[in-house]
Amino acid sequence: MTSEDKFSRDFVLKDQIRGAAISIMSNIAEGYARQTNREFIQFLYIARGSASETKSQLYVALDLGYISKQEFEKIYETVSEVAKLITGFIKYLQTHNK
């Protein structure tokens, strides 16, 4: 998505949305490597925050005409589902504390 025409030339937004998306999986991986539920949960909260940041930046991309309403809805729904999964995982880990 960020490689497309106008979007690819907006270096700031392109880098921000890519960074936020990458931050989601990076924080999950880093939290897992900590090997305690407490720290893992902390990093999962950060990952969920990055998902919210990504969704916010999608609105900016839509408002600027970088993506269509259809692209926005598809990607927004995917990121929302990721956030829900992270929330469910947090709840699971909180009930199975190490």
PDB file of N, CA and C in Angstrom:
ATOM      1  N   MET A   1       0.814  -1.184   0.000  1.00  0.00           N
ATOM      2  CA  MET A   1       0.000   0.000   0.000  1.00  0.00           C
ATOM      3  C   MET A   1       0.869   1.264   0.000  1.00  0.00           C
ATOM      4  N   THR A   2       1.894   1.285   0.822  1.00  0.00           N
ATOM      5  CA  THR A   2       2.719   2.490   0.912  1.00  0.00           C
ATOM      6  C   THR A   2       3.676   2.648  -0.261  1.00  0.00           C
ATOM      7  N   SER A   3       3.740   1.642  -1.113  1.00  0.00           N
ATOM      8  CA  SER A   3       4.605   1.720  -2.295  1.00  0.00           C
ATOM      9  C   SER A   3       3.886   2.361  -3.479  1.00  0.00           C
ATOM     10  N   GLU A   4       2.607   2.592  -3.331  1.00  0.00           N
ATOM     11  CA  GLU A   4       1.814   3.160  -4.422  1.00  0.00           C
ATOM     12  C   GLU A   4       2.097   4.644  -4.605  1.00  0.00           C
ATOM     13  N   ASP A   5       1.952   5.082  -5.826  1.00  0.00           N
ATOM     14  CA  ASP A   5       2.103   6.441  -6.336  1.00  0.00           C
ATOM     15  C   ASP A   5       2.283   7.560  -5.296  1.00  0.00           C
ATOM     16  N   LYS A   6       1.204   8.248  -4.947  1.00  0.00           N
ATOM     17  CA  LYS A   6       1.305   9.414  -4.065  1.00  0.00           C
ATOM     18  C   LYS A   6       1.808   9.039  -2.673  1.00  0.00           C
ATOM     19  N   PHE A   7       1.352   7.906  -2.180  1.00  0.00           N
ATOM     20  CA  PHE A   7       1.734   7.473  -0.831  1.00  0.00           C
ATOM     21  C   PHE A   7       3.248   7.305  -0.733  1.00  0.00           C
ATOM     22  N   SER A   8       3.848   6.748  -1.753  1.00  0.00           N
ATOM     23  CA  SER A   8       5.286   6.471  -1.718  1.00  0.00           C
ATOM     24  C   SER A   8       6.117   7.750  -1.664  1.00  0.00           C
ATOM     25  N   ARG A   9       5.530   8.870  -2.066  1.00  0.00           N
ATOM     26  CA  ARG A   9       6.265  10.138  -2.053  1.00  0.00           C
ATOM     27  C   ARG A   9       6.091  10.920  -0.759  1.00  0.00           C
ATOM     28  N   ASP A  10       5.172  10.486   0.089  1.00  0.00           N
ATOM     29  CA  ASP A  10       4.997  11.122   1.393  1.00  0.00           C
ATOM     30  C   ASP A  10       5.864  10.347   2.381  1.00  0.00           C
ATOM     31  N   PHE A  11       7.124  10.710   2.406  1.00  0.00           N
ATOM     32  CA  PHE A  11       8.113   9.936   3.167  1.00  0.00           C
ATOM     33  C   PHE A  11       7.801   9.866   4.655  1.00  0.00           C
ATOM     34  N   VAL A  12       7.293  10.945   5.220  1.00  0.00           N
ATOM     35  CA  VAL A  12       7.017  10.956   6.655  1.00  0.00           C
ATOM     36  C   VAL A  12       5.893   9.978   6.999  1.00  0.00           C
ATOM     37  N   LEU A  13       4.753  10.111   6.332  1.00  0.00           N
ATOM     38  CA  LEU A  13       3.628   9.223   6.633  1.00  0.00           C
ATOM     39  C   LEU A  13       3.955   7.780   6.270  1.00  0.00           C
ATOM     40  N   LYS A  14       4.595   7.595   5.136  1.00  0.00           N
ATOM     41  CA  LYS A  14       4.980   6.241   4.714  1.00  0.00           C
ATOM     42  C   LYS A  14       5.854   5.585   5.778  1.00  0.00           C
ATOM     43  N   ASP A  15       6.856   6.296   6.251  1.00  0.00           N
ATOM     44  CA  ASP A  15       7.746   5.735   7.272  1.00  0.00           C
ATOM     45  C   ASP A  15       7.030   5.514   8.591  1.00  0.00           C
ATOM     46  N   GLN A  16       6.115   6.427   8.945  1.00  0.00           N
ATOM     47  CA  GLN A  16       5.392   6.277  10.208  1.00  0.00           C
ATOM     48  C   GLN A  16       4.488   5.053  10.199  1.00  0.00           C
ATOM     49  N   ILE A  17       3.731   4.867   9.134  1.00  0.00           N
ATOM     50  CA  ILE A  17       2.799   3.745   9.102  1.00  0.00           C
ATOM     51  C   ILE A  17       3.545   2.416   8.990  1.00  0.00           C
ATOM     52  N   ARG A  18       4.621   2.416   8.238  1.00  0.00           N
ATOM     53  CA  ARG A  18       5.435   1.193   8.166  1.00  0.00           C
ATOM     54  C   ARG A  18       6.052   0.889   9.520  1.00  0.00           C
ATOM     55  N   GLY A  19       6.569   1.914  10.174  1.00  0.00           N
ATOM     56  CA  GLY A  19       7.188   1.724  11.490  1.00  0.00           C
ATOM     57  C   GLY A  19       6.200   1.215  12.522  1.00  0.00           C
ATOM     58  N   ALA A  20       4.983   1.773  12.516  1.00  0.00           N
ATOM     59  CA  ALA A  20       3.959   1.337  13.474  1.00  0.00           C
ATOM     60  C   ALA A  20       3.571  -0.118  13.217  1.00  0.00           C
ATOM     61  N   ALA A  21       3.418  -0.480  11.949  1.00  0.00           N
ATOM     62  CA  ALA A  21       3.055  -1.857  11.613  1.00  0.00           C
ATOM     63  C   ALA A  21       4.164  -2.831  12.019  1.00  0.00           C
ATOM     64  N   ILE A  22       5.380  -2.449  11.758  1.00  0.00           N
ATOM     65  CA  ILE A  22       6.524  -3.299  12.139  1.00  0.00           C
ATOM     66  C   ILE A  22       6.635  -3.395  13.657  1.00  0.00           C
ATOM     67  N   SER A  23       6.318  -2.307  14.342  1.00  0.00           N
ATOM     68  CA  SER A  23       6.385  -2.276  15.799  1.00  0.00           C
ATOM     69  C   SER A  23       5.442  -3.293  16.433  1.00  0.00           C
ATOM     70  N   ILE A  24       4.327  -3.560  15.785  1.00  0.00           N
ATOM     71  CA  ILE A  24       3.373  -4.542  16.330  1.00  0.00           C
ATOM     72  C   ILE A  24       4.076  -5.881  16.510  1.00  0.00           C
ATOM     73  N   MET A  25       4.622  -6.407  15.426  1.00  0.00           N
ATOM     74  CA  MET A  25       5.237  -7.741  15.520  1.00  0.00           C
ATOM     75  C   MET A  25       6.555  -7.712  16.280  1.00  0.00           C
ATOM     76  N   SER A  26       7.271  -6.618  16.205  1.00  0.00           N
ATOM     77  CA  SER A  26       8.545  -6.531  16.927  1.00  0.00           C
ATOM     78  C   SER A  26       8.335  -6.570  18.431  1.00  0.00           C
ATOM     79  N   ASN A  27       7.304  -5.871  18.916  1.00  0.00           N
ATOM     80  CA  ASN A  27       7.033  -5.882  20.356  1.00  0.00           C
ATOM     81  C   ASN A  27       6.509  -7.222  20.831  1.00  0.00           C
ATOM     82  N   ILE A  28       5.746  -7.908  20.000  1.00  0.00           N
ATOM     83  CA  ILE A  28       5.303  -9.260  20.361  1.00  0.00           C
ATOM     84  C   ILE A  28       6.519 -10.176  20.496  1.00  0.00           C
ATOM     85  N   ALA A  29       7.425 -10.098  19.541  1.00  0.00           N
ATOM     86  CA  ALA A  29       8.628 -10.941  19.578  1.00  0.00           C
ATOM     87  C   ALA A  29       9.509 -10.601  20.776  1.00  0.00           C
ATOM     88  N   GLU A  30       9.699  -9.313  21.033  1.00  0.00           N
ATOM     89  CA  GLU A  30      10.555  -8.923  22.161  1.00  0.00           C
ATOM     90  C   GLU A  30       9.933  -9.341  23.489  1.00  0.00           C
ATOM     91  N   GLY A  31       8.630  -9.166  23.614  1.00  0.00           N
ATOM     92  CA  GLY A  31       7.952  -9.571  24.846  1.00  0.00           C
ATOM     93  C   GLY A  31       8.051 -11.066  25.087  1.00  0.00           C
ATOM     94  N   TYR A  32       7.877 -11.834  24.026  1.00  0.00           N
ATOM     95  CA  TYR A  32       7.991 -13.290  24.140  1.00  0.00           C
ATOM     96  C   TYR A  32       9.393 -13.693  24.606  1.00  0.00           C
ATOM     97  N   ALA A  33      10.390 -13.004  24.107  1.00  0.00           N
ATOM     98  CA  ALA A  33      11.782 -13.330  24.457  1.00  0.00           C
ATOM     99  C   ALA A  33      12.090 -13.040  25.925  1.00  0.00           C
ATOM    100  N   ARG A  34      11.287 -12.213  26.568  1.00  0.00           N
ATOM    101  CA  ARG A  34      11.525 -11.885  27.976  1.00  0.00           C
ATOM    102  C   ARG A  34      11.235 -13.053  28.906  1.00  0.00           C
ATOM    103  N   GLN A  35      10.442 -14.007  28.469  1.00  0.00           N
ATOM    104  CA  GLN A  35      10.181 -15.265  29.159  1.00  0.00           C
ATOM    105  C   GLN A  35       9.433 -15.147  30.479  1.00  0.00           C
ATOM    106  N   THR A  36       8.758 -14.032  30.701  1.00  0.00           N
ATOM    107  CA  THR A  36       7.842 -13.939  31.843  1.00  0.00           C
ATOM    108  C   THR A  36       6.537 -13.351  31.325  1.00  0.00           C
ATOM    109  N   ASN A  37       5.435 -13.824  31.866  1.00  0.00           N
ATOM    110  CA  ASN A  37       4.141 -13.308  31.429  1.00  0.00           C
ATOM    111  C   ASN A  37       4.014 -11.813  31.698  1.00  0.00           C
ATOM    112  N   ARG A  38       4.524 -11.370  32.828  1.00  0.00           N
ATOM    113  CA  ARG A  38       4.410  -9.954  33.193  1.00  0.00           C
ATOM    114  C   ARG A  38       5.044  -9.054  32.136  1.00  0.00           C
ATOM    115  N   GLU A  39       6.264  -9.369  31.743  1.00  0.00           N
ATOM    116  CA  GLU A  39       6.932  -8.556  30.726  1.00  0.00           C
ATOM    117  C   GLU A  39       6.304  -8.751  29.349  1.00  0.00           C
ATOM    118  N   PHE A  40       5.904  -9.983  29.058  1.00  0.00           N
ATOM    119  CA  PHE A  40       5.256 -10.253  27.778  1.00  0.00           C
ATOM    120  C   PHE A  40       3.992  -9.400  27.641  1.00  0.00           C
ATOM    121  N   ILE A  41       3.195  -9.361  28.704  1.00  0.00           N
ATOM    122  CA  ILE A  41       1.966  -8.564  28.699  1.00  0.00           C
ATOM    123  C   ILE A  41       2.284  -7.088  28.454  1.00  0.00           C
ATOM    124  N   GLN A  42       3.323  -6.587  29.088  1.00  0.00           N
ATOM    125  CA  GLN A  42       3.716  -5.186  28.896  1.00  0.00           C
ATOM    126  C   GLN A  42       4.011  -4.907  27.416  1.00  0.00           C
ATOM    127  N   PHE A  43       4.730  -5.799  26.772  1.00  0.00           N
ATOM    128  CA  PHE A  43       5.063  -5.604  25.359  1.00  0.00           C
ATOM    129  C   PHE A  43       3.837  -5.801  24.459  1.00  0.00           C
ATOM    130  N   LEU A  44       2.923  -6.657  24.885  1.00  0.00           N
ATOM    131  CA  LEU A  44       1.687  -6.818  24.122  1.00  0.00           C
ATOM    132  C   LEU A  44       0.845  -5.543  24.168  1.00  0.00           C
ATOM    133  N   TYR A  45       0.848  -4.864  25.302  1.00  0.00           N
ATOM    134  CA  TYR A  45       0.157  -3.573  25.384  1.00  0.00           C
ATOM    135  C   TYR A  45       0.787  -2.558  24.422  1.00  0.00           C
ATOM    136  N   ILE A  46       2.094  -2.574  24.341  1.00  0.00           N
ATOM    137  CA  ILE A  46       2.778  -1.672  23.406  1.00  0.00           C
ATOM    138  C   ILE A  46       2.420  -2.036  21.967  1.00  0.00           C
ATOM    139  N   ALA A  47       2.385  -3.328  21.673  1.00  0.00           N
ATOM    140  CA  ALA A  47       2.007  -3.782  20.332  1.00  0.00           C
ATOM    141  C   ALA A  47       0.588  -3.341  19.991  1.00  0.00           C
ATOM    142  N   ARG A  48      -0.305  -3.443  20.961  1.00  0.00           N
ATOM    143  CA  ARG A  48      -1.691  -3.009  20.729  1.00  0.00           C
ATOM    144  C   ARG A  48      -1.752  -1.498  20.494  1.00  0.00           C
ATOM    145  N   GLY A  49      -0.920  -0.763  21.186  1.00  0.00           N
ATOM    146  CA  GLY A  49      -0.832   0.676  20.957  1.00  0.00           C
ATOM    147  C   GLY A  49      -0.346   0.987  19.548  1.00  0.00           C
ATOM    148  N   SER A  50       0.596   0.209  19.074  1.00  0.00           N
ATOM    149  CA  SER A  50       1.090   0.384  17.707  1.00  0.00           C
ATOM    150  C   SER A  50       0.008   0.069  16.681  1.00  0.00           C
ATOM    151  N   ALA A  51      -0.864  -0.873  16.999  1.00  0.00           N
ATOM    152  CA  ALA A  51      -1.988  -1.175  16.113  1.00  0.00           C
ATOM    153  C   ALA A  51      -2.931   0.028  16.048  1.00  0.00           C
ATOM    154  N   SER A  52      -3.173   0.652  17.184  1.00  0.00           N
ATOM    155  CA  SER A  52      -4.014   1.855  17.206  1.00  0.00           C
ATOM    156  C   SER A  52      -3.368   2.990  16.424  1.00  0.00           C
ATOM    157  N   GLU A  53      -2.075   3.120  16.558  1.00  0.00           N
ATOM    158  CA  GLU A  53      -1.342   4.131  15.798  1.00  0.00           C
ATOM    159  C   GLU A  53      -1.478   3.869  14.296  1.00  0.00           C
ATOM    160  N   THR A  54      -1.364   2.625  13.903  1.00  0.00           N
ATOM    161  CA  THR A  54      -1.509   2.254  12.491  1.00  0.00           C
ATOM    162  C   THR A  54      -2.899   2.627  11.987  1.00  0.00           C
ATOM    163  N   LYS A  55      -3.918   2.332  12.778  1.00  0.00           N
ATOM    164  CA  LYS A  55      -5.285   2.659  12.367  1.00  0.00           C
ATOM    165  C   LYS A  55      -5.471   4.169  12.224  1.00  0.00           C
ATOM    166  N   SER A  56      -4.891   4.925  13.124  1.00  0.00           N
ATOM    167  CA  SER A  56      -4.974   6.383  13.038  1.00  0.00           C
ATOM    168  C   SER A  56      -4.320   6.898  11.758  1.00  0.00           C
ATOM    169  N   GLN A  57      -3.177   6.346  11.425  1.00  0.00           N
ATOM    170  CA  GLN A  57      -2.458   6.767  10.221  1.00  0.00           C
ATOM    171  C   GLN A  57      -3.200   6.360   8.952  1.00  0.00           C
ATOM    172  N   LEU A  58      -3.980   5.295   9.015  1.00  0.00           N
ATOM    173  CA  LEU A  58      -4.811   4.911   7.881  1.00  0.00           C
ATOM    174  C   LEU A  58      -5.848   5.988   7.580  1.00  0.00           C
ATOM    175  N   TYR A  59      -6.394   6.607   8.623  1.00  0.00           N
ATOM    176  CA  TYR A  59      -7.333   7.717   8.414  1.00  0.00           C
ATOM    177  C   TYR A  59      -6.649   8.874   7.683  1.00  0.00           C
ATOM    178  N   VAL A  60      -5.425   9.166   8.068  1.00  0.00           N
ATOM    179  CA  VAL A  60      -4.680  10.244   7.403  1.00  0.00           C
ATOM    180  C   VAL A  60      -4.473   9.901   5.936  1.00  0.00           C
ATOM    181  N   ALA A  61      -4.075   8.674   5.660  1.00  0.00           N
ATOM    182  CA  ALA A  61      -3.853   8.235   4.279  1.00  0.00           C
ATOM    183  C   ALA A  61      -5.140   8.332   3.464  1.00  0.00           C
ATOM    184  N   LEU A  62      -6.252   7.963   4.073  1.00  0.00           N
ATOM    185  CA  LEU A  62      -7.539   8.062   3.393  1.00  0.00           C
ATOM    186  C   LEU A  62      -7.884   9.524   3.124  1.00  0.00           C
ATOM    187  N   ASP A  63      -7.744  10.364   4.140  1.00  0.00           N
ATOM    188  CA  ASP A  63      -8.069  11.791   3.991  1.00  0.00           C
ATOM    189  C   ASP A  63      -7.214  12.467   2.925  1.00  0.00           C
ATOM    190  N   LEU A  64      -5.980  12.027   2.781  1.00  0.00           N
ATOM    191  CA  LEU A  64      -5.083  12.614   1.784  1.00  0.00           C
ATOM    192  C   LEU A  64      -5.277  12.019   0.391  1.00  0.00           C
ATOM    193  N   GLY A  65      -6.136  11.007   0.295  1.00  0.00           N
ATOM    194  CA  GLY A  65      -6.402  10.386  -1.001  1.00  0.00           C
ATOM    195  C   GLY A  65      -5.337   9.398  -1.440  1.00  0.00           C
ATOM    196  N   TYR A  66      -4.532   8.918  -0.500  1.00  0.00           N
ATOM    197  CA  TYR A  66      -3.475   7.957  -0.827  1.00  0.00           C
ATOM    198  C   TYR A  66      -4.022   6.542  -0.989  1.00  0.00           C
ATOM    199  N   ILE A  67      -5.140   6.275  -0.310  1.00  0.00           N
ATOM    200  CA  ILE A  67      -5.782   4.965  -0.415  1.00  0.00           C
ATOM    201  C   ILE A  67      -7.273   5.183  -0.639  1.00  0.00           C
ATOM    202  N   SER A  68      -7.901   4.194  -1.247  1.00  0.00           N
ATOM    203  CA  SER A  68      -9.345   4.257  -1.488  1.00  0.00           C
ATOM    204  C   SER A  68     -10.091   3.867  -0.214  1.00  0.00           C
ATOM    205  N   LYS A  69     -11.371   4.173  -0.196  1.00  0.00           N
ATOM    206  CA  LYS A  69     -12.222   3.785   0.939  1.00  0.00           C
ATOM    207  C   LYS A  69     -12.217   2.262   1.096  1.00  0.00           C
ATOM    208  N   GLN A  70     -12.217   1.544  -0.022  1.00  0.00           N
ATOM    209  CA  GLN A  70     -12.205   0.075   0.008  1.00  0.00           C
ATOM    210  C   GLN A  70     -10.893  -0.445   0.606  1.00  0.00           C
ATOM    211  N   GLU A  71      -9.756   0.123   0.184  1.00  0.00           N
ATOM    212  CA  GLU A  71      -8.462  -0.280   0.758  1.00  0.00           C
ATOM    213  C   GLU A  71      -8.431   0.019   2.250  1.00  0.00           C
ATOM    214  N   PHE A  72      -8.904   1.226   2.607  1.00  0.00           N
ATOM    215  CA  PHE A  72      -8.936   1.625   4.006  1.00  0.00           C
ATOM    216  C   PHE A  72      -9.709   0.609   4.835  1.00  0.00           C
ATOM    217  N   GLU A  73     -10.922   0.284   4.399  1.00  0.00           N
ATOM    218  CA  GLU A  73     -11.774  -0.630   5.167  1.00  0.00           C
ATOM    219  C   GLU A  73     -11.150  -2.003   5.324  1.00  0.00           C
ATOM    220  N   LYS A  74     -10.546  -2.509   4.271  1.00  0.00           N
ATOM    221  CA  LYS A  74      -9.919  -3.834   4.322  1.00  0.00           C
ATOM    222  C   LYS A  74      -8.740  -3.849   5.302  1.00  0.00           C
ATOM    223  N   ILE A  75      -7.864  -2.872   5.184  1.00  0.00           N
ATOM    224  CA  ILE A  75      -6.673  -2.831   6.042  1.00  0.00           C
ATOM    225  C   ILE A  75      -7.054  -2.492   7.472  1.00  0.00           C
ATOM    226  N   TYR A  76      -7.990  -1.555   7.649  1.00  0.00           N
ATOM    227  CA  TYR A  76      -8.438  -1.175   8.989  1.00  0.00           C
ATOM    228  C   TYR A  76      -9.020  -2.389   9.711  1.00  0.00           C
ATOM    229  N   GLU A  77      -9.826  -3.165   9.010  1.00  0.00           N
ATOM    230  CA  GLU A  77     -10.422  -4.361   9.608  1.00  0.00           C
ATOM    231  C   GLU A  77      -9.344  -5.372   9.997  1.00  0.00           C
ATOM    232  N   THR A  78      -8.341  -5.539   9.161  1.00  0.00           N
ATOM    233  CA  THR A  78      -7.245  -6.466   9.467  1.00  0.00           C
ATOM    234  C   THR A  78      -6.502  -6.027  10.721  1.00  0.00           C
ATOM    235  N   VAL A  79      -6.178  -4.746  10.798  1.00  0.00           N
ATOM    236  CA  VAL A  79      -5.454  -4.227  11.971  1.00  0.00           C
ATOM    237  C   VAL A  79      -6.339  -4.322  13.215  1.00  0.00           C
ATOM    238  N   SER A  80      -7.627  -4.076  13.068  1.00  0.00           N
ATOM    239  CA  SER A  80      -8.549  -4.199  14.203  1.00  0.00           C
ATOM    240  C   SER A  80      -8.588  -5.637  14.713  1.00  0.00           C
ATOM    241  N   GLU A  81      -8.578  -6.589  13.797  1.00  0.00           N
ATOM    242  CA  GLU A  81      -8.576  -8.007  14.184  1.00  0.00           C
ATOM    243  C   GLU A  81      -7.279  -8.357  14.916  1.00  0.00           C
ATOM    244  N   VAL A  82      -6.170  -7.832  14.460  1.00  0.00           N
ATOM    245  CA  VAL A  82      -4.890  -8.057  15.142  1.00  0.00           C
ATOM    246  C   VAL A  82      -4.968  -7.503  16.571  1.00  0.00           C
ATOM    247  N   ALA A  83      -5.517  -6.301  16.717  1.00  0.00           N
ATOM    248  CA  ALA A  83      -5.643  -5.692  18.047  1.00  0.00           C
ATOM    249  C   ALA A  83      -6.525  -6.548  18.959  1.00  0.00           C
ATOM    250  N   LYS A  84      -7.611  -7.097  18.416  1.00  0.00           N
ATOM    251  CA  LYS A  84      -8.491  -7.965  19.202  1.00  0.00           C
ATOM    252  C   LYS A  84      -7.769  -9.233  19.636  1.00  0.00           C
ATOM    253  N   LEU A  85      -6.986  -9.802  18.740  1.00  0.00           N
ATOM    254  CA  LEU A  85      -6.219 -11.002  19.084  1.00  0.00           C
ATOM    255  C   LEU A  85      -5.200 -10.712  20.181  1.00  0.00           C
ATOM    256  N   ILE A  86      -4.548  -9.569  20.081  1.00  0.00           N
ATOM    257  CA  ILE A  86      -3.578  -9.173  21.115  1.00  0.00           C
ATOM    258  C   ILE A  86      -4.298  -9.021  22.453  1.00  0.00           C
ATOM    259  N   THR A  87      -5.455  -8.371  22.445  1.00  0.00           N
ATOM    260  CA  THR A  87      -6.225  -8.193  23.683  1.00  0.00           C
ATOM    261  C   THR A  87      -6.603  -9.546  24.282  1.00  0.00           C
ATOM    262  N   GLY A  88      -7.045 -10.463  23.440  1.00  0.00           N
ATOM    263  CA  GLY A  88      -7.381 -11.796  23.925  1.00  0.00           C
ATOM    264  C   GLY A  88      -6.184 -12.515  24.508  1.00  0.00           C
ATOM    265  N   PHE A  89      -5.042 -12.349  23.889  1.00  0.00           N
ATOM    266  CA  PHE A  89      -3.817 -12.976  24.379  1.00  0.00           C
ATOM    267  C   PHE A  89      -3.411 -12.380  25.728  1.00  0.00           C
ATOM    268  N   ILE A  90      -3.562 -11.061  25.868  1.00  0.00           N
ATOM    269  CA  ILE A  90      -3.264 -10.408  27.149  1.00  0.00           C
ATOM    270  C   ILE A  90      -4.145 -11.002  28.245  1.00  0.00           C
ATOM    271  N   LYS A  91      -5.435 -11.118  27.965  1.00  0.00           N
ATOM    272  CA  LYS A  91      -6.369 -11.669  28.959  1.00  0.00           C
ATOM    273  C   LYS A  91      -6.001 -13.101  29.318  1.00  0.00           C
ATOM    274  N   TYR A  92      -5.632 -13.885  28.322  1.00  0.00           N
ATOM    275  CA  TYR A  92      -5.208 -15.266  28.566  1.00  0.00           C
ATOM    276  C   TYR A  92      -3.987 -15.298  29.485  1.00  0.00           C
ATOM    277  N   LEU A  93      -2.977 -14.500  29.161  1.00  0.00           N
ATOM    278  CA  LEU A  93      -1.754 -14.496  29.960  1.00  0.00           C
ATOM    279  C   LEU A  93      -1.998 -14.003  31.376  1.00  0.00           C
ATOM    280  N   GLN A  94      -2.918 -13.069  31.535  1.00  0.00           N
ATOM    281  CA  GLN A  94      -3.226 -12.554  32.878  1.00  0.00           C
ATOM    282  C   GLN A  94      -3.867 -13.620  33.752  1.00  0.00           C
ATOM    283  N   THR A  95      -4.580 -14.553  33.128  1.00  0.00           N
ATOM    284  CA  THR A  95      -5.213 -15.618  33.921  1.00  0.00           C
ATOM    285  C   THR A  95      -4.305 -16.832  34.097  1.00  0.00           C
ATOM    286  N   HIS A  96      -3.221 -16.868  33.346  1.00  0.00           N
ATOM    287  CA  HIS A  96      -2.249 -17.961  33.452  1.00  0.00           C
ATOM    288  C   HIS A  96      -0.879 -17.379  33.819  1.00  0.00           C
ATOM    289  N   ASN A  97      -0.848 -16.652  34.924  1.00  0.00           N
ATOM    290  CA  ASN A  97       0.354 -15.931  35.340  1.00  0.00           C
ATOM    291  C   ASN A  97       1.459 -16.880  35.782  1.00  0.00           C
ATOM    292  N   LYS A  98       2.667 -16.615  35.313  1.00  0.00           N
ATOM    293  CA  LYS A  98       3.846 -17.407  35.716  1.00  0.00           C
ATOM    294  C   LYS A  98       4.422 -16.855  36.990  1.00  0.00           C
TER     295      LYS A  98
END
